[in-house]
């Protein structure tokens, strides 16, 4: 692999820049202390603010830089008061997923010491795998209106993308079982009892499952999934589902984790990957320095691990693990907490606590 990696950075809107810069600082600390390739960042414009000022949400130069980069790190995007003429919000992250065909939306659901509404639980570890380019999002920006009488969006599920998605899901379950984190089980989440598209989705799932005999393959309806995520979350390992269902269940998963401030994500394709927090841009607290940076930092950790796996560089994988471990230590200690975590500390205070925890893990 090259001795230099390029990360395309999108700072985002609202609190986006406030949580991005300290995350990049932590990544630089790791790059200096471990035997890592040089990580060069290229910051490019995109987002609702850029659309407001320039009339375009994702400039061609920004998309080109994303295509050329080894990875893409994206902060929260969108502002509720800035919308396209059709009334939808500005979402360059969706445009990136479509343009780069990032079909595998990885949404970890993990407890590591934070408060949770699941009373009496202190352990939770599963992954929601959301197809990110098709499903009901297929018609994003292309819906039709019948005057003021009706609106229509179209769901599309293809064999090609579904096969890639399911192979990714089974591979992820196999990897989690090997590491001791998972049960080697994949649930296909659908509504196959009602919709032909989901019956097709489930059929392709069953076909691909045959190729992974060491991984359990089960199917479950989305409504039952929502119920069991609350009542029996321990049965889940990897859940793979359509775009809209994945969007909704991911937020439920974030709720189980204690809030969106703890929820990182990745959108991965055959050649490219975007890493970003699941939460929005929170313009109501922008500029106050109180945003929770945990989801952004954990997204950075996911990026390092993916780069390491992609380039077969054990140091990058270990660096991602170090960063995640430092975050988990800070959360468990509960000495430094932003308001959404029940405290009065600011963004920088949390990041500095993570840096100190990282010092203990990487020095010596």
Protein backbone atom coordinates (compact mmCIF):
# COMPACT_ATOMS: atom_id res chain seq x y z
CA UNK A 1 0.00 0.00 0.00
CA UNK A 2 0.99 3.63 -0.35
CA UNK A 3 2.79 5.34 2.53
CA UNK A 4 0.19 8.11 2.33
CA UNK A 5 -3.61 7.94 2.58
CA UNK A 6 -6.02 10.69 1.61
CA UNK A 7 -9.24 11.34 3.52
CA UNK A 8 -11.82 13.63 1.95
CA UNK A 9 -13.41 15.67 4.76
CA UNK A 10 -16.86 17.29 4.69
CA UNK A 11 -17.29 19.47 7.78
CA UNK A 12 -21.07 19.68 7.43
CA UNK A 13 -23.60 22.14 8.81
CA UNK A 14 -24.58 23.32 12.27
CA UNK A 15 -22.46 21.52 14.85
CA UNK A 16 -20.63 19.65 12.09
CA UNK A 17 -17.36 21.64 12.11
CA UNK A 18 -17.31 21.68 15.94
CA UNK A 19 -17.16 17.89 16.19
CA UNK A 20 -15.08 17.27 13.07
CA UNK A 21 -11.94 19.24 13.98
CA UNK A 22 -11.27 17.59 17.37
CA UNK A 23 -11.92 14.19 15.78
CA UNK A 24 -9.28 14.91 13.16
CA UNK A 25 -6.92 16.00 15.95
CA UNK A 26 -7.36 12.62 17.67
CA UNK A 27 -6.68 10.79 14.41
CA UNK A 28 -3.51 12.86 13.95
CA UNK A 29 -2.39 11.91 17.47
CA UNK A 30 -2.78 8.23 16.59
CA UNK A 31 -1.00 8.65 13.27
CA UNK A 32 1.99 10.18 15.07
CA UNK A 33 2.20 7.54 17.80
CA UNK A 34 1.68 4.41 15.76
CA UNK A 35 3.48 3.14 12.69
CA UNK A 36 0.75 4.44 10.39
CA UNK A 37 0.84 5.76 6.84
CA UNK A 38 0.63 9.55 6.68
CA UNK A 39 -3.04 10.59 6.65
CA UNK A 40 -3.62 13.64 4.49
CA UNK A 41 -6.99 15.39 4.78
CA UNK A 42 -8.63 17.37 2.01
CA UNK A 43 -11.57 19.49 3.17
CA UNK A 44 -14.22 20.06 0.51
CA UNK A 45 -17.46 22.09 0.51
CA UNK A 46 -20.92 20.52 0.65
CA UNK A 47 -24.12 20.84 2.65
CA UNK A 48 -27.19 22.98 3.21
CA UNK A 49 -25.16 26.10 3.97
CA UNK A 50 -23.27 25.71 0.72
CA UNK A 51 -26.56 25.24 -1.15
CA UNK A 52 -27.94 28.40 0.46
CA UNK A 53 -24.89 30.42 -0.57
CA UNK A 54 -24.03 28.86 -3.94
CA UNK A 55 -27.12 27.00 -5.18
CA UNK A 56 -25.49 23.55 -5.13
CA UNK A 57 -25.29 21.06 -2.25
CA UNK A 58 -22.53 18.79 -3.55
CA UNK A 59 -20.25 20.53 -6.07
CA UNK A 60 -18.67 18.45 -8.84
CA UNK A 61 -15.20 19.18 -7.47
CA UNK A 62 -16.25 17.83 -4.07
CA UNK A 63 -17.65 14.64 -5.59
CA UNK A 64 -14.48 14.22 -7.65
CA UNK A 65 -12.32 14.61 -4.52
CA UNK A 66 -14.45 12.01 -2.75
CA UNK A 67 -13.97 9.59 -5.64
CA UNK A 68 -10.19 10.02 -5.52
CA UNK A 69 -9.85 9.72 -1.72
CA UNK A 70 -9.02 6.55 0.17
CA UNK A 71 -11.91 7.29 2.57
CA UNK A 72 -14.49 9.98 3.24
CA UNK A 73 -15.18 11.44 6.69
CA UNK A 74 -18.42 13.39 6.82
CA UNK A 75 -19.96 15.32 9.69
CA UNK A 76 -23.61 16.19 10.28
CA UNK A 77 -25.31 17.80 7.27
CA UNK A 78 -28.56 19.59 6.59
CA UNK A 79 -30.46 22.53 8.02
CA UNK A 80 -34.23 22.23 8.53
CA UNK A 81 -35.01 25.69 7.15
CA UNK A 82 -33.04 25.21 3.92
CA UNK A 83 -34.76 22.93 1.43
CA UNK A 84 -34.93 22.06 -2.23
CA UNK A 85 -37.85 23.48 -4.25
CA UNK A 86 -39.75 20.19 -3.82
CA UNK A 87 -39.74 20.68 -0.02
CA UNK A 88 -37.15 18.00 0.84
CA UNK A 89 -34.09 18.74 2.97
CA UNK A 90 -30.59 19.14 1.58
CA UNK A 91 -28.87 15.74 1.90
CA UNK A 92 -25.49 15.53 0.13
CA UNK A 93 -24.77 12.37 2.10
CA UNK A 94 -27.52 10.61 0.16
CA UNK A 95 -26.10 11.93 -3.11
CA UNK A 96 -22.69 10.50 -2.14
CA UNK A 97 -24.20 7.08 -1.37
CA UNK A 98 -25.92 6.99 -4.75
CA UNK A 99 -22.98 8.33 -6.78
CA UNK A 100 -20.42 6.00 -5.18
CA UNK A 101 -22.86 3.06 -4.86
CA UNK A 102 -22.33 2.69 -1.12
CA UNK A 103 -24.83 -0.11 -0.68
CA UNK A 104 -23.83 -1.32 2.82
CA UNK A 105 -24.92 1.06 5.57
CA UNK A 106 -23.28 -0.20 8.78
CA UNK A 107 -24.99 0.98 11.98
CA UNK A 108 -23.51 -0.54 15.18
CA UNK A 109 -25.73 -0.80 18.26
CA UNK A 110 -23.43 -1.06 21.25
CA UNK A 111 -23.54 -0.33 24.96
CA UNK A 112 -20.24 0.68 26.56
CA UNK A 113 -21.27 2.26 29.84
CA UNK A 114 -23.70 4.95 28.71
CA UNK A 115 -27.21 5.22 30.21
CA UNK A 116 -29.81 3.22 28.28
CA UNK A 117 -33.62 2.97 28.42
CA UNK A 118 -33.20 -0.81 28.53
CA UNK A 119 -33.52 -1.20 32.26
CA UNK A 120 -31.06 -3.57 33.89
CA UNK A 121 -28.92 -4.10 30.79
CA UNK A 122 -25.25 -3.27 30.57
CA UNK A 123 -24.37 -5.31 27.48
CA UNK A 124 -25.64 -4.93 23.94
CA UNK A 125 -23.74 -5.52 20.70
CA UNK A 126 -25.35 -6.00 17.29
CA UNK A 127 -25.24 -4.34 13.88
CA UNK A 128 -27.99 -3.03 11.63
CA UNK A 129 -26.95 -3.30 7.99
CA UNK A 130 -29.00 -0.91 5.92
CA UNK A 131 -29.01 -1.09 2.13
CA UNK A 132 -28.26 2.54 1.26
CA UNK A 133 -28.90 3.06 -2.46
CA UNK A 134 -32.20 1.40 -3.35
CA UNK A 135 -35.45 0.54 -1.60
CA UNK A 136 -37.82 3.42 -1.05
CA UNK A 137 -34.89 5.84 -1.38
CA UNK A 138 -34.56 4.80 -5.04
CA UNK A 139 -36.85 7.63 -6.08
CA UNK A 140 -35.14 10.27 -3.91
CA UNK A 141 -35.56 13.53 -5.81
CA UNK A 142 -37.63 11.80 -8.50
CA UNK A 143 -41.03 11.37 -6.86
CA UNK A 144 -44.16 12.39 -8.76
CA UNK A 145 -47.04 14.65 -7.82
CA UNK A 146 -50.59 14.50 -9.16
CA UNK A 147 -51.37 18.16 -8.74
CA UNK A 148 -52.50 18.69 -5.18
CA UNK A 149 -54.26 15.31 -5.00
CA UNK A 150 -51.58 12.67 -4.53
CA UNK A 151 -47.85 11.97 -4.34
CA UNK A 152 -45.98 8.82 -5.31
CA UNK A 153 -42.54 7.32 -4.56
CA UNK A 154 -41.28 4.02 -5.94
CA UNK A 155 -39.43 1.19 -4.19
CA UNK A 156 -36.79 -0.68 -6.17
CA UNK A 157 -34.83 -3.74 -5.06
CA UNK A 158 -32.36 -5.34 -7.48
CA UNK A 159 -30.69 -8.74 -7.42
CA UNK A 160 -27.23 -7.31 -8.06
CA UNK A 161 -27.24 -4.92 -5.09
CA UNK A 162 -29.07 -7.36 -2.82
CA UNK A 163 -26.54 -10.11 -3.46
CA UNK A 164 -23.67 -7.75 -2.59
CA UNK A 165 -25.51 -6.59 0.52
CA UNK A 166 -26.24 -10.12 1.76
CA UNK A 167 -22.71 -11.30 1.08
CA UNK A 168 -21.47 -8.33 3.11
CA UNK A 169 -23.90 -9.22 5.92
CA UNK A 170 -22.82 -12.87 6.09
CA UNK A 171 -19.16 -11.87 5.91
CA UNK A 172 -19.67 -9.40 8.75
CA UNK A 173 -21.42 -12.03 10.90
CA UNK A 174 -18.61 -14.49 10.22
CA UNK A 175 -16.02 -11.86 11.20
CA UNK A 176 -17.91 -10.92 14.39
CA UNK A 177 -18.17 -14.59 15.41
CA UNK A 178 -14.46 -15.10 14.81
CA UNK A 179 -13.63 -12.10 17.02
CA UNK A 180 -15.95 -13.34 19.79
CA UNK A 181 -18.31 -10.37 19.46
CA UNK A 182 -21.18 -12.03 17.61
CA UNK A 183 -23.21 -15.21 17.35
CA UNK A 184 -22.66 -15.86 13.65
CA UNK A 185 -26.26 -15.05 12.81
CA UNK A 186 -27.96 -12.85 10.20
CA UNK A 187 -31.60 -11.79 10.29
CA UNK A 188 -33.17 -10.59 7.04
CA UNK A 189 -35.65 -7.87 8.07
CA UNK A 190 -38.49 -7.37 5.59
CA UNK A 191 -42.25 -7.28 5.02
CA UNK A 192 -42.38 -10.29 2.73
CA UNK A 193 -45.91 -11.17 3.81
CA UNK A 194 -47.31 -8.03 2.18
CA UNK A 195 -44.99 -6.71 -0.55
CA UNK A 196 -43.69 -8.55 -3.62
CA UNK A 197 -40.46 -6.54 -3.52
CA UNK A 198 -39.72 -7.87 -0.03
CA UNK A 199 -40.65 -11.43 -0.98
CA UNK A 200 -38.01 -11.08 -3.71
CA UNK A 201 -35.56 -9.58 -1.20
CA UNK A 202 -36.05 -12.57 1.12
CA UNK A 203 -35.69 -15.06 -1.72
CA UNK A 204 -32.32 -13.62 -2.72
CA UNK A 205 -31.30 -13.70 0.96
CA UNK A 206 -32.07 -17.43 1.16
CA UNK A 207 -30.09 -18.07 -2.01
CA UNK A 208 -26.97 -16.27 -0.72
CA UNK A 209 -27.26 -17.93 2.70
CA UNK A 210 -26.43 -21.28 1.11
CA UNK A 211 -22.94 -19.95 0.34
CA UNK A 212 -22.29 -19.29 4.04
CA UNK A 213 -23.22 -22.56 5.80
CA UNK A 214 -21.31 -21.58 8.95
CA UNK A 215 -23.62 -18.57 9.52
CA UNK A 216 -27.20 -18.90 10.76
CA UNK A 217 -29.74 -17.29 8.42
CA UNK A 218 -33.16 -16.24 9.69
CA UNK A 219 -35.92 -13.98 8.37
CA UNK A 220 -38.12 -11.68 10.43
CA UNK A 221 -40.76 -9.06 9.73
CA UNK A 222 -39.83 -5.47 10.42
CA UNK A 223 -42.61 -4.85 12.94
CA UNK A 224 -41.54 -7.87 15.01
CA UNK A 225 -37.94 -6.65 14.75
CA UNK A 226 -38.86 -3.30 16.30
CA UNK A 227 -40.59 -5.10 19.16
CA UNK A 228 -37.75 -7.54 19.78
CA UNK A 229 -35.07 -4.87 19.61
CA UNK A 230 -36.64 -3.55 22.80
CA UNK A 231 -37.74 -6.81 24.45
CA UNK A 232 -35.13 -9.33 23.22
CA UNK A 233 -32.18 -7.45 21.69
CA UNK A 234 -29.77 -10.18 22.79
CA UNK A 235 -31.03 -12.47 20.01
CA UNK A 236 -29.63 -10.20 17.30
CA UNK A 237 -26.18 -10.17 15.74
CA UNK A 238 -26.43 -8.74 12.20
CA UNK A 239 -29.74 -7.44 10.87
CA UNK A 240 -29.86 -6.73 7.14
CA UNK A 241 -32.68 -4.72 5.64
CA UNK A 242 -34.00 -2.29 3.03
CA UNK A 243 -33.11 1.40 3.05
CA UNK A 244 -36.16 2.94 4.71
CA UNK A 245 -36.58 0.16 7.26
CA UNK A 246 -32.89 0.48 8.06
CA UNK A 247 -33.22 4.23 8.47
CA UNK A 248 -35.98 3.82 11.04
CA UNK A 249 -34.50 0.86 12.91
CA UNK A 250 -31.13 2.63 13.12
CA UNK A 251 -32.72 5.44 15.11
CA UNK A 252 -34.40 2.89 17.36
CA UNK A 253 -31.00 1.31 17.84
CA UNK A 254 -29.52 4.71 18.68
CA UNK A 255 -32.27 5.17 21.25
CA UNK A 256 -31.28 1.88 22.88
CA UNK A 257 -27.71 3.19 22.99
CA UNK A 258 -28.79 6.29 24.89
CA UNK A 259 -29.20 8.68 21.97
CA UNK A 260 -27.93 9.64 18.54
CA UNK A 261 -24.88 11.25 20.12
CA UNK A 262 -23.44 7.75 20.63
CA UNK A 263 -24.30 6.34 17.18
CA UNK A 264 -21.61 6.16 14.49
CA UNK A 265 -22.09 4.79 10.99
CA UNK A 266 -20.43 3.83 7.75
CA UNK A 267 -21.70 3.53 4.18
CA UNK A 268 -19.49 1.09 2.29
CA UNK A 269 -19.30 0.05 -1.35
CA UNK A 270 -16.91 -2.02 -3.45
CA UNK A 271 -14.28 0.78 -3.67
CA UNK A 272 -15.40 3.70 -1.50
CA UNK A 273 -16.67 4.31 2.02
CA UNK A 274 -18.16 7.25 3.94
CA UNK A 275 -18.04 7.49 7.73
CA UNK A 276 -20.34 9.83 9.64
CA UNK A 277 -22.35 10.20 12.86
CA UNK A 278 -26.01 9.21 12.60
CA UNK A 279 -27.27 12.42 14.20
CA UNK A 280 -28.30 15.67 12.54
CA UNK A 281 -26.65 19.08 12.50
CA UNK A 282 -28.45 20.38 15.65
CA UNK A 283 -28.52 24.05 14.58
CA UNK A 284 -30.20 24.98 17.88
CA UNK A 285 -26.93 24.36 19.75
CA UNK A 286 -24.45 25.20 16.98
CA UNK A 287 -21.69 27.51 18.13
CA UNK A 288 -22.26 26.84 21.82
CA UNK A 289 -19.51 24.22 22.12
CA UNK A 290 -21.74 21.68 23.89
CA UNK A 291 -22.33 19.11 21.12
CA UNK A 292 -21.60 15.48 21.95
CA UNK A 293 -18.62 14.40 19.78
CA UNK A 294 -18.77 10.68 20.64
CA UNK A 295 -20.59 9.52 17.46
CA UNK A 296 -18.20 11.53 15.29
CA UNK A 297 -15.12 10.12 17.04
CA UNK A 298 -16.45 6.56 16.80
CA UNK A 299 -17.10 7.12 13.09
CA UNK A 300 -13.44 8.09 12.79
CA UNK A 301 -12.50 4.86 14.57
CA UNK A 302 -14.61 2.88 12.09
CA UNK A 303 -12.80 4.65 9.26
CA UNK A 304 -9.37 3.70 10.60
CA UNK A 305 -10.42 0.07 10.99
CA UNK A 306 -11.89 -0.05 7.47
CA UNK A 307 -8.75 1.51 5.99
CA UNK A 308 -6.68 -1.07 7.85
CA UNK A 309 -8.78 -3.97 6.63
CA UNK A 310 -8.90 -2.64 3.07
CA UNK A 311 -5.16 -2.03 2.87
CA UNK A 312 -4.19 -5.00 5.08
CA UNK A 313 -2.47 -2.73 7.59
CA UNK A 314 -2.71 -4.08 11.13
CA UNK A 315 -1.55 -0.77 12.63
CA UNK A 316 -4.56 1.10 11.23
CA UNK A 317 -6.94 -1.57 12.54
CA UNK A 318 -5.30 -1.37 15.98
CA UNK A 319 -5.46 2.45 15.93
CA UNK A 320 -9.19 2.31 15.33
CA UNK A 321 -9.53 -0.09 18.25
CA UNK A 322 -7.46 2.22 20.45
CA UNK A 323 -9.69 5.17 19.62
CA UNK A 324 -12.86 3.18 20.32
CA UNK A 325 -11.38 1.89 23.57
CA UNK A 326 -10.50 5.41 24.71
CA UNK A 327 -14.05 6.60 24.01
CA UNK A 328 -15.55 3.67 25.90
CA UNK A 329 -13.29 4.36 28.89
CA UNK A 330 -14.36 8.01 29.03
CA UNK A 331 -18.05 7.09 28.80
CA UNK A 332 -17.77 4.42 31.50
CA UNK A 333 -15.97 6.77 33.88
CA UNK A 334 -18.75 9.38 33.36
CA UNK A 335 -16.54 12.16 34.69
CA UNK A 336 -16.91 14.31 31.59
CA UNK A 337 -20.37 14.58 30.02
CA UNK A 338 -22.06 16.91 27.56
CA UNK A 339 -25.65 18.04 28.34
CA UNK A 340 -27.24 15.21 26.37
CA UNK A 341 -25.21 12.81 28.52
CA UNK A 342 -26.56 14.40 31.70
CA UNK A 343 -23.63 16.73 32.37
CA UNK A 344 -22.47 20.29 31.85
CA UNK A 345 -19.22 19.79 29.96
CA UNK A 346 -18.45 20.93 26.44
CA UNK A 347 -17.33 19.26 23.23
CA UNK A 348 -13.65 20.02 23.74
CA UNK A 349 -13.68 18.72 27.33
CA UNK A 350 -14.94 15.34 26.12
CA UNK A 351 -12.38 15.24 23.31
CA UNK A 352 -9.58 16.10 25.72
CA UNK A 353 -10.72 13.31 28.03
CA UNK A 354 -10.58 10.91 25.08
CA UNK A 355 -7.09 12.19 24.27
CA UNK A 356 -5.94 11.52 27.85
CA UNK A 357 -7.41 8.02 27.73
CA UNK A 358 -5.67 7.52 24.42
CA UNK A 359 -2.37 8.59 26.01
CA UNK A 360 -2.70 5.75 28.50
CA UNK A 361 -3.43 3.22 25.74
CA UNK A 362 -0.75 4.25 23.22
CA UNK A 363 2.18 5.58 25.24
CA UNK A 364 4.77 2.96 26.11
